[in-house]
Amino acid sequence: VPPYVIFHDATLRQMLAERPADREGLLG
């Protein structure tokens, strides 16, 4: 699939900013 189907850049940017450490954090 195209990369954006996995996650959009905005989602990756939020991961980068928040650095979730577990599944709960990632779900946020």
PDB file of all heavy atoms in Angstrom:
ATOM      1  N   VAL A   1       0.857  -1.194   0.000  1.00  0.00           N
ATOM      2  CA  VAL A   1       0.000   0.000   0.000  1.00  0.00           C
ATOM      3  C   VAL A   1       0.891   1.241   0.000  1.00  0.00           C
ATOM      4  O   VAL A   1       2.071   1.161   0.362  1.00  0.00           O
ATOM      5  CB  VAL A   1      -0.929   0.042   1.243  1.00  0.00           C
ATOM      6  CG1 VAL A   1      -1.924  -1.108   1.225  1.00  0.00           C
ATOM      7  CG2 VAL A   1      -0.139   0.050   2.543  1.00  0.00           C
ATOM      8  N   PRO A   2       0.348   2.407  -0.387  1.00  0.00           N
ATOM      9  CA  PRO A   2       1.138   3.635  -0.291  1.00  0.00           C
ATOM     10  C   PRO A   2       1.413   3.973   1.180  1.00  0.00           C
ATOM     11  O   PRO A   2       0.591   3.645   2.048  1.00  0.00           O
ATOM     12  CB  PRO A   2       0.248   4.706  -0.920  1.00  0.00           C
ATOM     13  CG  PRO A   2      -0.906   4.002  -1.536  1.00  0.00           C
ATOM     14  CD  PRO A   2      -0.977   2.629  -0.944  1.00  0.00           C
ATOM     15  N   PRO A   3       2.545   4.619   1.474  1.00  0.00           N
ATOM     16  CA  PRO A   3       2.904   4.930   2.863  1.00  0.00           C
ATOM     17  C   PRO A   3       1.817   5.666   3.647  1.00  0.00           C
ATOM     18  O   PRO A   3       1.613   5.383   4.831  1.00  0.00           O
ATOM     19  CB  PRO A   3       4.159   5.790   2.726  1.00  0.00           C
ATOM     20  CG  PRO A   3       4.780   5.332   1.450  1.00  0.00           C
ATOM     21  CD  PRO A   3       3.615   5.005   0.553  1.00  0.00           C
ATOM     22  N   TYR A   4       1.091   6.591   2.984  1.00  0.00           N
ATOM     23  CA  TYR A   4       0.086   7.370   3.715  1.00  0.00           C
ATOM     24  C   TYR A   4      -1.064   6.489   4.231  1.00  0.00           C
ATOM     25  O   TYR A   4      -1.766   6.882   5.157  1.00  0.00           O
ATOM     26  CB  TYR A   4      -0.453   8.541   2.885  1.00  0.00           C
ATOM     27  CG  TYR A   4      -1.311   8.136   1.711  1.00  0.00           C
ATOM     28  CD1 TYR A   4      -2.666   7.848   1.891  1.00  0.00           C
ATOM     29  CD2 TYR A   4      -0.778   8.034   0.439  1.00  0.00           C
ATOM     30  CE1 TYR A   4      -3.455   7.457   0.823  1.00  0.00           C
ATOM     31  CE2 TYR A   4      -1.563   7.652  -0.634  1.00  0.00           C
ATOM     32  CZ  TYR A   4      -2.900   7.360  -0.439  1.00  0.00           C
ATOM     33  OH  TYR A   4      -3.678   6.969  -1.486  1.00  0.00           O
ATOM     34  N   VAL A   5      -1.230   5.297   3.662  1.00  0.00           N
ATOM     35  CA  VAL A   5      -2.272   4.377   4.140  1.00  0.00           C
ATOM     36  C   VAL A   5      -1.879   3.830   5.522  1.00  0.00           C
ATOM     37  O   VAL A   5      -2.742   3.578   6.356  1.00  0.00           O
ATOM     38  CB  VAL A   5      -2.500   3.231   3.130  1.00  0.00           C
ATOM     39  CG1 VAL A   5      -3.391   2.143   3.717  1.00  0.00           C
ATOM     40  CG2 VAL A   5      -3.117   3.788   1.846  1.00  0.00           C
ATOM     41  N   ILE A   6      -0.578   3.674   5.751  1.00  0.00           N
ATOM     42  CA  ILE A   6      -0.097   3.227   7.061  1.00  0.00           C
ATOM     43  C   ILE A   6      -0.372   4.348   8.076  1.00  0.00           C
ATOM     44  O   ILE A   6      -1.151   4.165   8.992  1.00  0.00           O
ATOM     45  CB  ILE A   6       1.412   2.878   7.029  1.00  0.00           C
ATOM     46  CG1 ILE A   6       1.753   1.884   5.905  1.00  0.00           C
ATOM     47  CG2 ILE A   6       1.874   2.362   8.394  1.00  0.00           C
ATOM     48  CD1 ILE A   6       1.185   0.490   6.042  1.00  0.00           C
ATOM     49  N   PHE A   7       0.301   5.480   7.906  1.00  0.00           N
ATOM     50  CA  PHE A   7       0.053   6.681   8.724  1.00  0.00           C
ATOM     51  C   PHE A   7       0.411   7.911   7.904  1.00  0.00           C
ATOM     52  O   PHE A   7       1.385   7.889   7.159  1.00  0.00           O
ATOM     53  CB  PHE A   7       0.911   6.693  10.005  1.00  0.00           C
ATOM     54  CG  PHE A   7       0.525   5.686  11.044  1.00  0.00           C
ATOM     55  CD1 PHE A   7       1.453   4.802  11.556  1.00  0.00           C
ATOM     56  CD2 PHE A   7      -0.779   5.637  11.537  1.00  0.00           C
ATOM     57  CE1 PHE A   7       1.099   3.866  12.522  1.00  0.00           C
ATOM     58  CE2 PHE A   7      -1.132   4.699  12.505  1.00  0.00           C
ATOM     59  CZ  PHE A   7      -0.197   3.818  12.992  1.00  0.00           C
ATOM     60  N   HIS A   8      -0.360   8.981   8.072  1.00  0.00           N
ATOM     61  CA  HIS A   8      -0.041  10.257   7.423  1.00  0.00           C
ATOM     62  C   HIS A   8       1.149  10.913   8.121  1.00  0.00           C
ATOM     63  O   HIS A   8       1.453  10.597   9.276  1.00  0.00           O
ATOM     64  CB  HIS A   8      -1.249  11.208   7.491  1.00  0.00           C
ATOM     65  CG  HIS A   8      -2.353  10.816   6.560  1.00  0.00           C
ATOM     66  ND1 HIS A   8      -2.335  11.104   5.220  1.00  0.00           N
ATOM     67  CD2 HIS A   8      -3.514  10.149   6.776  1.00  0.00           C
ATOM     68  CE1 HIS A   8      -3.428  10.627   4.644  1.00  0.00           C
ATOM     69  NE2 HIS A   8      -4.161  10.041   5.573  1.00  0.00           N
ATOM     70  N   ASP A   9       1.792  11.856   7.431  1.00  0.00           N
ATOM     71  CA  ASP A   9       2.898  12.611   8.027  1.00  0.00           C
ATOM     72  C   ASP A   9       2.485  13.270   9.335  1.00  0.00           C
ATOM     73  O   ASP A   9       3.264  13.306  10.287  1.00  0.00           O
ATOM     74  CB  ASP A   9       3.392  13.700   7.058  1.00  0.00           C
ATOM     75  CG  ASP A   9       4.403  13.162   6.041  1.00  0.00           C
ATOM     76  OD1 ASP A   9       4.725  11.960   6.069  1.00  0.00           O
ATOM     77  OD2 ASP A   9       4.882  13.973   5.225  1.00  0.00           O
ATOM     78  N   ALA A  10       1.271  13.792   9.390  1.00  0.00           N
ATOM     79  CA  ALA A  10       0.810  14.476  10.605  1.00  0.00           C
ATOM     80  C   ALA A  10       0.821  13.523  11.804  1.00  0.00           C
ATOM     81  O   ALA A  10       1.164  13.920  12.921  1.00  0.00           O
ATOM     82  CB  ALA A  10      -0.588  15.048  10.397  1.00  0.00           C
ATOM     83  N   THR A  11       0.476  12.265  11.555  1.00  0.00           N
ATOM     84  CA  THR A  11       0.487  11.257  12.620  1.00  0.00           C
ATOM     85  C   THR A  11       1.921  10.992  13.067  1.00  0.00           C
ATOM     86  O   THR A  11       2.203  10.925  14.263  1.00  0.00           O
ATOM     87  CB  THR A  11      -0.183   9.957  12.127  1.00  0.00           C
ATOM     88  OG1 THR A  11      -1.521  10.264  11.710  1.00  0.00           O
ATOM     89  CG2 THR A  11      -0.226   8.897  13.217  1.00  0.00           C
ATOM     90  N   LEU A  12       2.836  10.880  12.094  1.00  0.00           N
ATOM     91  CA  LEU A  12       4.247  10.662  12.440  1.00  0.00           C
ATOM     92  C   LEU A  12       4.804  11.861  13.208  1.00  0.00           C
ATOM     93  O   LEU A  12       5.573  11.694  14.154  1.00  0.00           O
ATOM     94  CB  LEU A  12       5.081  10.409  11.177  1.00  0.00           C
ATOM     95  CG  LEU A  12       4.770   9.152  10.367  1.00  0.00           C
ATOM     96  CD1 LEU A  12       5.793   8.981   9.250  1.00  0.00           C
ATOM     97  CD2 LEU A  12       4.718   7.915  11.234  1.00  0.00           C
ATOM     98  N   ARG A  13       4.397  13.075  12.804  1.00  0.00           N
ATOM     99  CA  ARG A  13       4.868  14.281  13.508  1.00  0.00           C
ATOM    100  C   ARG A  13       4.405  14.279  14.959  1.00  0.00           C
ATOM    101  O   ARG A  13       5.152  14.663  15.853  1.00  0.00           O
ATOM    102  CB  ARG A  13       4.353  15.546  12.816  1.00  0.00           C
ATOM    103  CG  ARG A  13       5.149  15.892  11.592  1.00  0.00           C
ATOM    104  CD  ARG A  13       4.883  17.323  11.153  1.00  0.00           C
ATOM    105  NE  ARG A  13       5.331  17.443   9.775  1.00  0.00           N
ATOM    106  CZ  ARG A  13       4.518  17.391   8.729  1.00  0.00           C
ATOM    107  NH1 ARG A  13       3.227  17.261   8.884  1.00  0.00           N
ATOM    108  NH2 ARG A  13       5.005  17.494   7.519  1.00  0.00           N
ATOM    109  N   GLN A  14       3.159  13.845  15.183  1.00  0.00           N
ATOM    110  CA  GLN A  14       2.651  13.793  16.557  1.00  0.00           C
ATOM    111  C   GLN A  14       3.407  12.731  17.360  1.00  0.00           C
ATOM    112  O   GLN A  14       3.712  12.937  18.526  1.00  0.00           O
ATOM    113  CB  GLN A  14       1.143  13.546  16.565  1.00  0.00           C
ATOM    114  CG  GLN A  14       0.517  13.802  17.936  1.00  0.00           C
ATOM    115  CD  GLN A  14      -0.989  13.584  17.953  1.00  0.00           C
ATOM    116  OE1 GLN A  14      -1.633  13.458  16.914  1.00  0.00           O
ATOM    117  NE2 GLN A  14      -1.541  13.524  19.151  1.00  0.00           N
ATOM    118  N   MET A  15       3.717  11.590  16.735  1.00  0.00           N
ATOM    119  CA  MET A  15       4.532  10.565  17.409  1.00  0.00           C
ATOM    120  C   MET A  15       5.879  11.159  17.795  1.00  0.00           C
ATOM    121  O   MET A  15       6.380  10.926  18.902  1.00  0.00           O
ATOM    122  CB  MET A  15       4.764   9.362  16.484  1.00  0.00           C
ATOM    123  CG  MET A  15       3.585   8.459  16.297  1.00  0.00           C
ATOM    124  SD  MET A  15       4.100   7.070  15.244  1.00  0.00           S
ATOM    125  CE  MET A  15       2.496   6.463  14.743  1.00  0.00           C
ATOM    126  N   LEU A  16       6.462  11.905  16.881  1.00  0.00           N
ATOM    127  CA  LEU A  16       7.767  12.524  17.117  1.00  0.00           C
ATOM    128  C   LEU A  16       7.688  13.499  18.290  1.00  0.00           C
ATOM    129  O   LEU A  16       8.571  13.517  19.151  1.00  0.00           O
ATOM    130  CB  LEU A  16       8.204  13.261  15.842  1.00  0.00           C
ATOM    131  CG  LEU A  16       9.604  13.854  15.813  1.00  0.00           C
ATOM    132  CD1 LEU A  16      10.657  12.754  15.884  1.00  0.00           C
ATOM    133  CD2 LEU A  16       9.791  14.679  14.547  1.00  0.00           C
ATOM    134  N   ALA A  17       6.624  14.268  18.358  1.00  0.00           N
ATOM    135  CA  ALA A  17       6.465  15.277  19.405  1.00  0.00           C
ATOM    136  C   ALA A  17       6.183  14.642  20.761  1.00  0.00           C
ATOM    137  O   ALA A  17       6.742  15.062  21.783  1.00  0.00           O
ATOM    138  CB  ALA A  17       5.339  16.244  19.030  1.00  0.00           C
ATOM    139  N   GLU A  18       5.328  13.620  20.772  1.00  0.00           N
ATOM    140  CA  GLU A  18       4.865  13.064  22.049  1.00  0.00           C
ATOM    141  C   GLU A  18       5.657  11.849  22.519  1.00  0.00           C
ATOM    142  O   GLU A  18       5.616  11.507  23.697  1.00  0.00           O
ATOM    143  CB  GLU A  18       3.377  12.727  21.954  1.00  0.00           C
ATOM    144  CG  GLU A  18       2.533  13.974  21.741  1.00  0.00           C
ATOM    145  CD  GLU A  18       1.039  13.690  21.735  1.00  0.00           C
ATOM    146  OE1 GLU A  18       0.622  12.625  22.220  1.00  0.00           O
ATOM    147  OE2 GLU A  18       0.301  14.560  21.239  1.00  0.00           O
ATOM    148  N   ARG A  19       6.331  11.174  21.587  1.00  0.00           N
ATOM    149  CA  ARG A  19       7.139   9.989  21.915  1.00  0.00           C
ATOM    150  C   ARG A  19       6.409   9.000  22.822  1.00  0.00           C
ATOM    151  O   ARG A  19       6.868   8.699  23.921  1.00  0.00           O
ATOM    152  CB  ARG A  19       8.455  10.394  22.585  1.00  0.00           C
ATOM    153  CG  ARG A  19       9.324  11.358  21.795  1.00  0.00           C
ATOM    154  CD  ARG A  19      10.061  10.655  20.666  1.00  0.00           C
ATOM    155  NE  ARG A  19      10.731  11.624  19.824  1.00  0.00           N
ATOM    156  CZ  ARG A  19      12.047  11.831  19.808  1.00  0.00           C
ATOM    157  NH1 ARG A  19      12.826  11.127  20.582  1.00  0.00           N
ATOM    158  NH2 ARG A  19      12.563  12.721  19.001  1.00  0.00           N
ATOM    159  N   PRO A  20       5.260   8.491  22.390  1.00  0.00           N
ATOM    160  CA  PRO A  20       4.549   7.519  23.230  1.00  0.00           C
ATOM    161  C   PRO A  20       5.432   6.298  23.499  1.00  0.00           C
ATOM    162  O   PRO A  20       6.161   5.858  22.621  1.00  0.00           O
ATOM    163  CB  PRO A  20       3.323   7.150  22.398  1.00  0.00           C
ATOM    164  CG  PRO A  20       3.687   7.477  20.992  1.00  0.00           C
ATOM    165  CD  PRO A  20       4.633   8.647  21.072  1.00  0.00           C
ATOM    166  N   ALA A  21       5.357   5.793  24.725  1.00  0.00           N
ATOM    167  CA  ALA A  21       6.231   4.690  25.135  1.00  0.00           C
ATOM    168  C   ALA A  21       5.515   3.344  25.144  1.00  0.00           C
ATOM    169  O   ALA A  21       6.144   2.304  25.287  1.00  0.00           O
ATOM    170  CB  ALA A  21       6.802   4.982  26.517  1.00  0.00           C
ATOM    171  N   ASP A  22       4.188   3.368  25.001  1.00  0.00           N
ATOM    172  CA  ASP A  22       3.442   2.114  25.059  1.00  0.00           C
ATOM    173  C   ASP A  22       2.205   2.200  24.157  1.00  0.00           C
ATOM    174  O   ASP A  22       1.936   3.233  23.550  1.00  0.00           O
ATOM    175  CB  ASP A  22       3.044   1.784  26.498  1.00  0.00           C
ATOM    176  CG  ASP A  22       2.277   2.924  27.165  1.00  0.00           C
ATOM    177  OD1 ASP A  22       1.611   3.721  26.451  1.00  0.00           O
ATOM    178  OD2 ASP A  22       2.330   3.018  28.400  1.00  0.00           O
ATOM    179  N   ARG A  23       1.481   1.075  24.099  1.00  0.00           N
ATOM    180  CA  ARG A  23       0.310   0.992  23.224  1.00  0.00           C
ATOM    181  C   ARG A  23      -0.750   2.038  23.593  1.00  0.00           C
ATOM    182  O   ARG A  23      -1.365   2.625  22.721  1.00  0.00           O
ATOM    183  CB  ARG A  23      -0.282  -0.420  23.265  1.00  0.00           C
ATOM    184  CG  ARG A  23       0.634  -1.455  22.612  1.00  0.00           C
ATOM    185  CD  ARG A  23       0.127  -2.872  22.806  1.00  0.00           C
ATOM    186  NE  ARG A  23      -1.202  -3.083  22.280  1.00  0.00           N
ATOM    187  CZ  ARG A  23      -1.479  -3.448  21.023  1.00  0.00           C
ATOM    188  NH1 ARG A  23      -0.501  -3.663  20.174  1.00  0.00           N
ATOM    189  NH2 ARG A  23      -2.718  -3.627  20.629  1.00  0.00           N
ATOM    190  N   GLU A  24      -0.943   2.264  24.897  1.00  0.00           N
ATOM    191  CA  GLU A  24      -1.921   3.275  25.348  1.00  0.00           C
ATOM    192  C   GLU A  24      -1.553   4.650  24.816  1.00  0.00           C
ATOM    193  O   GLU A  24      -2.405   5.388  24.321  1.00  0.00           O
ATOM    194  CB  GLU A  24      -1.987   3.323  26.880  1.00  0.00           C
ATOM    195  CG  GLU A  24      -2.860   2.280  27.518  1.00  0.00           C
ATOM    196  CD  GLU A  24      -4.282   2.257  26.974  1.00  0.00           C
ATOM    197  OE1 GLU A  24      -4.971   3.299  27.019  1.00  0.00           O
ATOM    198  OE2 GLU A  24      -4.701   1.186  26.507  1.00  0.00           O
ATOM    199  N   GLY A  25      -0.279   4.993  24.948  1.00  0.00           N
ATOM    200  CA  GLY A  25       0.194   6.285  24.468  1.00  0.00           C
ATOM    201  C   GLY A  25       0.023   6.421  22.968  1.00  0.00           C
ATOM    202  O   GLY A  25      -0.369   7.471  22.460  1.00  0.00           O
ATOM    203  N   LEU A  26       0.322   5.353  22.252  1.00  0.00           N
ATOM    204  CA  LEU A  26       0.207   5.362  20.795  1.00  0.00           C
ATOM    205  C   LEU A  26      -1.248   5.545  20.377  1.00  0.00           C
ATOM    206  O   LEU A  26      -1.541   6.239  19.407  1.00  0.00           O
ATOM    207  CB  LEU A  26       0.785   4.062  20.234  1.00  0.00           C
ATOM    208  CG  LEU A  26       1.299   4.081  18.802  1.00  0.00           C
ATOM    209  CD1 LEU A  26       2.306   5.188  18.573  1.00  0.00           C
ATOM    210  CD2 LEU A  26       1.908   2.740  18.444  1.00  0.00           C
ATOM    211  N   LEU A  27      -2.160   4.938  21.134  1.00  0.00           N
ATOM    212  CA  LEU A  27      -3.577   5.048  20.824  1.00  0.00           C
ATOM    213  C   LEU A  27      -4.068   6.491  20.984  1.00  0.00           C
ATOM    214  O   LEU A  27      -5.055   6.883  20.372  1.00  0.00           O
ATOM    215  CB  LEU A  27      -4.376   4.102  21.732  1.00  0.00           C
ATOM    216  CG  LEU A  27      -5.745   3.624  21.251  1.00  0.00           C
ATOM    217  CD1 LEU A  27      -5.700   3.087  19.830  1.00  0.00           C
ATOM    218  CD2 LEU A  27      -6.281   2.566  22.189  1.00  0.00           C
ATOM    219  N   GLY A  28      -3.356   7.296  21.781  1.00  0.00           N
ATOM    220  CA  GLY A  28      -3.709   8.693  21.960  1.00  0.00           C
ATOM    221  C   GLY A  28      -3.267   9.592  20.814  1.00  0.00           C
ATOM    222  O   GLY A  28      -3.608  10.772  20.781  1.00  0.00           O
TER     223      GLY A  28
END
